[in-house]
Protein backbone atom coordinates (compact mmCIF):
# COMPACT_ATOMS: atom_id res chain seq x y z
CA MET A 1 -32.89 -11.21 39.01
CA SER A 2 -29.26 -12.27 38.70
CA MET A 3 -27.95 -14.43 35.89
CA GLU A 4 -27.55 -17.34 38.32
CA GLU A 5 -31.24 -17.05 39.23
CA SER A 6 -32.44 -16.62 35.64
CA ILE A 7 -30.74 -19.74 34.23
CA PRO A 8 -32.91 -22.25 36.16
CA ALA A 9 -36.04 -20.24 35.27
CA LEU A 10 -35.05 -20.25 31.60
CA ALA A 11 -34.30 -23.99 31.71
CA ASP A 12 -37.73 -24.62 33.27
CA ALA A 13 -39.44 -22.50 30.59
CA ILE A 14 -37.63 -24.39 27.82
CA PHE A 15 -38.60 -27.72 29.38
CA ARG A 16 -42.25 -26.64 29.69
CA GLU A 17 -42.26 -25.64 26.01
CA LYS A 18 -40.80 -29.04 25.02
CA VAL A 19 -43.45 -30.84 27.06
CA LEU A 20 -46.26 -28.82 25.48
CA ARG A 21 -44.91 -29.51 21.98
CA ALA A 22 -44.60 -33.23 22.76
CA ARG A 23 -48.17 -33.36 24.06
CA ASN A 24 -49.43 -31.76 20.85
CA THR A 25 -47.43 -34.04 18.56
CA PRO A 26 -49.58 -36.66 16.81
CA PRO A 27 -48.83 -40.27 17.80
CA SER A 28 -47.78 -41.16 14.24
CA ARG A 29 -45.14 -38.41 14.32
CA LYS A 30 -43.90 -39.60 17.72
CA ILE A 31 -43.42 -43.09 16.30
CA GLY A 32 -41.56 -41.64 13.33
CA LEU A 33 -39.30 -39.61 15.60
CA GLY A 34 -38.57 -42.73 17.65
CA ALA A 35 -37.50 -44.57 14.51
CA GLU A 36 -35.30 -41.63 13.47
CA ILE A 37 -33.63 -41.53 16.87
CA TYR A 38 -33.08 -45.30 16.82
CA ALA A 39 -31.47 -45.09 13.35
CA GLU A 40 -29.24 -42.24 14.49
CA VAL A 41 -28.11 -44.15 17.58
CA LEU A 42 -27.31 -47.24 15.47
CA GLY A 43 -25.27 -45.04 13.14
CA ARG A 44 -23.29 -43.68 16.07
CA MET A 45 -22.75 -47.17 17.44
CA ARG A 46 -21.49 -48.32 14.01
CA SER A 47 -19.10 -45.38 13.94
CA GLY A 48 -17.81 -46.39 17.36
CA VAL A 49 -17.25 -49.96 16.18
CA ARG A 50 -15.40 -48.69 13.09
CA MET A 51 -13.17 -46.50 15.27
CA GLN A 52 -12.42 -49.40 17.59
CA PHE A 53 -11.92 -51.89 14.74
CA PRO A 54 -10.70 -49.90 11.71
CA GLU A 55 -9.82 -53.09 9.82
CA ALA A 56 -13.38 -54.49 10.08
CA ASP A 57 -15.44 -54.74 6.91
CA GLU A 58 -19.17 -53.92 6.88
CA CYS A 59 -20.20 -57.50 7.70
CA GLU A 60 -17.88 -57.56 10.70
CA VAL A 61 -19.11 -54.14 11.87
CA GLU A 62 -22.72 -55.40 11.74
CA ARG A 63 -21.77 -58.59 13.59
CA ILE A 64 -20.03 -56.63 16.37
CA LEU A 65 -22.95 -54.20 16.57
CA GLY A 66 -25.40 -57.10 16.83
CA ASP A 67 -23.29 -58.71 19.56
CA ARG A 68 -23.29 -55.46 21.54
CA LEU A 69 -27.04 -54.98 21.20
CA ASN A 70 -27.66 -58.60 22.24
CA ARG A 71 -25.39 -58.18 25.24
CA LEU A 72 -27.30 -55.06 26.34
CA SER A 73 -30.60 -56.91 25.97
CA ARG A 74 -29.38 -59.82 28.07
CA LEU A 75 -28.06 -57.48 30.77
CA GLU A 76 -31.36 -55.60 30.85
CA GLU A 77 -33.36 -58.85 31.04
CA HIS A 78 -31.34 -59.86 34.10
CA GLY A 79 -31.74 -56.46 35.75
CA LEU A 80 -28.04 -55.63 35.41
CA PHE A 81 -28.48 -52.76 32.96
CA HIS A 82 -31.04 -49.98 32.99
CA PRO A 83 -31.08 -47.36 30.24
CA ALA A 84 -30.40 -43.88 31.57
CA PRO A 85 -33.58 -41.91 32.17
CA PHE A 86 -34.16 -38.82 30.08
CA SER A 87 -33.22 -35.59 31.74
CA HIS A 88 -34.95 -32.29 31.19
CA ALA A 89 -31.74 -30.33 31.67
């Protein structure tokens, strides 16, 4: 088997392992992981706001972040924004 043939097989094996682990994860842990991911994403969004608006204080950063989250919610409600689906790549 060439390297080009083995990479997709390896990717499939890794994906299968992730699926099996996810299936065996207790629901309470899944909820906890979701909260951790959400907190991490908010932290990254705050960092992006700070980079874009270096003069903004913490209150202003939170206001801008809230505005952006509200805008995404409104776009999703109107069918104009759809979160990207997860990929198993």
